[in-house]
Amino acid sequence: MRKLDEGTEPDTPRQIQRARLGKKMSKPDLANQINQRPQVVSEYENGKVVPNQTVLAKMEKAIGVKLRVKIRK
């Protein structure tokens, strides 16, 4: 089965939100840590953005959850 959104799992928005809340972080807190606007975090959590691998990598580091997957060709 092929993964959605080029290298992310289909439930990535939920993973981001659960991990952020698990660390007791607000959207602005996470945005600050990854040098983005809170609106960007909201868009990722709502699944309204095509994921950027650099932003996902920063989120992974900040919230401690693996969000990216390798795509086998």
C-alpha atoms as a PDB file:
ATOM      1  CA  MET A   1       0.000   0.000   0.000  1.00  0.00           C
ATOM      2  CA  ARG A   2       1.336   3.418  -0.946  1.00  0.00           C
ATOM      3  CA  LYS A   3       1.674   6.082   1.723  1.00  0.00           C
ATOM      4  CA  LEU A   4      -0.205   9.353   1.334  1.00  0.00           C
ATOM      5  CA  ASP A   5       1.319  12.818   1.000  1.00  0.00           C
ATOM      6  CA  GLU A   6       4.777  11.785  -0.182  1.00  0.00           C
ATOM      7  CA  GLY A   7       6.434  10.217   2.807  1.00  0.00           C
ATOM      8  CA  THR A   8       3.961  10.710   5.625  1.00  0.00           C
ATOM      9  CA  GLU A   9       1.472   8.390   7.244  1.00  0.00           C
ATOM     10  CA  PRO A  10      -2.239   9.115   6.732  1.00  0.00           C
ATOM     11  CA  ASP A  11      -2.691   9.888  10.444  1.00  0.00           C
ATOM     12  CA  THR A  12       0.235  12.328  10.668  1.00  0.00           C
ATOM     13  CA  PRO A  13      -2.001  15.287  11.639  1.00  0.00           C
ATOM     14  CA  ARG A  14      -3.366  13.325  14.611  1.00  0.00           C
ATOM     15  CA  GLN A  15       0.128  12.153  15.571  1.00  0.00           C
ATOM     16  CA  ILE A  16       1.380  15.732  15.665  1.00  0.00           C
ATOM     17  CA  GLN A  17      -1.512  16.905  17.804  1.00  0.00           C
ATOM     18  CA  ARG A  18      -1.356  13.956  20.234  1.00  0.00           C
ATOM     19  CA  ALA A  19       2.405  14.289  20.693  1.00  0.00           C
ATOM     20  CA  ARG A  20       2.183  18.061  21.159  1.00  0.00           C
ATOM     21  CA  LEU A  21      -0.562  17.733  23.753  1.00  0.00           C
ATOM     22  CA  GLY A  22       1.307  14.872  25.422  1.00  0.00           C
ATOM     23  CA  LYS A  23       4.248  17.224  25.945  1.00  0.00           C
ATOM     24  CA  LYS A  24       1.819  19.869  27.253  1.00  0.00           C
ATOM     25  CA  MET A  25       2.787  22.242  24.457  1.00  0.00           C
ATOM     26  CA  SER A  26       0.534  24.825  22.869  1.00  0.00           C
ATOM     27  CA  LYS A  27       0.562  25.452  19.138  1.00  0.00           C
ATOM     28  CA  PRO A  28       2.551  28.672  19.662  1.00  0.00           C
ATOM     29  CA  ASP A  29       5.070  26.746  21.810  1.00  0.00           C
ATOM     30  CA  LEU A  30       5.659  24.185  19.071  1.00  0.00           C
ATOM     31  CA  ALA A  31       5.746  26.876  16.400  1.00  0.00           C
ATOM     32  CA  ASN A  32       8.393  28.730  18.393  1.00  0.00           C
ATOM     33  CA  GLN A  33      10.557  25.617  18.680  1.00  0.00           C
ATOM     34  CA  ILE A  34      10.457  24.943  14.939  1.00  0.00           C
ATOM     35  CA  ASN A  35      10.733  28.614  13.915  1.00  0.00           C
ATOM     36  CA  GLN A  36       7.338  28.725  12.226  1.00  0.00           C
ATOM     37  CA  ARG A  37       4.081  30.595  12.776  1.00  0.00           C
ATOM     38  CA  PRO A  38       1.350  28.986  14.922  1.00  0.00           C
ATOM     39  CA  GLN A  39      -0.818  28.950  11.791  1.00  0.00           C
ATOM     40  CA  VAL A  40       1.654  26.495  10.201  1.00  0.00           C
ATOM     41  CA  VAL A  41       1.248  24.096  13.136  1.00  0.00           C
ATOM     42  CA  SER A  42      -2.541  24.395  12.814  1.00  0.00           C
ATOM     43  CA  GLU A  43      -2.381  23.631   9.088  1.00  0.00           C
ATOM     44  CA  TYR A  44      -0.287  20.508   9.731  1.00  0.00           C
ATOM     45  CA  GLU A  45      -2.641  19.333  12.486  1.00  0.00           C
ATOM     46  CA  ASN A  46      -5.665  19.912  10.264  1.00  0.00           C
ATOM     47  CA  GLY A  47      -4.077  18.171   7.272  1.00  0.00           C
ATOM     48  CA  LYS A  48      -4.476  21.272   5.111  1.00  0.00           C
ATOM     49  CA  VAL A  49      -0.885  21.484   3.900  1.00  0.00           C
ATOM     50  CA  VAL A  50       1.352  19.344   1.728  1.00  0.00           C
ATOM     51  CA  PRO A  51       4.003  18.281   4.240  1.00  0.00           C
ATOM     52  CA  ASN A  52       7.442  19.806   3.939  1.00  0.00           C
ATOM     53  CA  GLN A  53      10.122  17.298   4.960  1.00  0.00           C
ATOM     54  CA  THR A  54      12.220  19.972   6.675  1.00  0.00           C
ATOM     55  CA  VAL A  55       9.306  21.145   8.818  1.00  0.00           C
ATOM     56  CA  LEU A  56       8.392  17.534   9.643  1.00  0.00           C
ATOM     57  CA  ALA A  57      11.986  16.854  10.710  1.00  0.00           C
ATOM     58  CA  LYS A  58      11.902  19.849  13.057  1.00  0.00           C
ATOM     59  CA  MET A  59       8.558  18.712  14.473  1.00  0.00           C
ATOM     60  CA  GLU A  60       9.911  15.196  15.023  1.00  0.00           C
ATOM     61  CA  LYS A  61      12.774  16.603  17.056  1.00  0.00           C
ATOM     62  CA  ALA A  62      10.551  18.968  19.054  1.00  0.00           C
ATOM     63  CA  ILE A  63       7.789  16.488  19.938  1.00  0.00           C
ATOM     64  CA  GLY A  64       9.804  13.268  19.909  1.00  0.00           C
ATOM     65  CA  VAL A  65       7.639  11.348  17.435  1.00  0.00           C
ATOM     66  CA  LYS A  66       8.623   9.840  14.058  1.00  0.00           C
ATOM     67  CA  LEU A  67       6.436  11.460  11.376  1.00  0.00           C
ATOM     68  CA  ARG A  68       8.282  10.651   8.157  1.00  0.00           C
ATOM     69  CA  VAL A  69       8.500   7.228   6.499  1.00  0.00           C
ATOM     70  CA  LYS A  70      10.765   5.917   3.802  1.00  0.00           C
ATOM     71  CA  ILE A  71       9.084   5.254   0.487  1.00  0.00           C
ATOM     72  CA  ARG A  72      10.293   2.138  -1.272  1.00  0.00           C
ATOM     73  CA  LYS A  73      10.593   2.404  -5.021  1.00  0.00           C
END
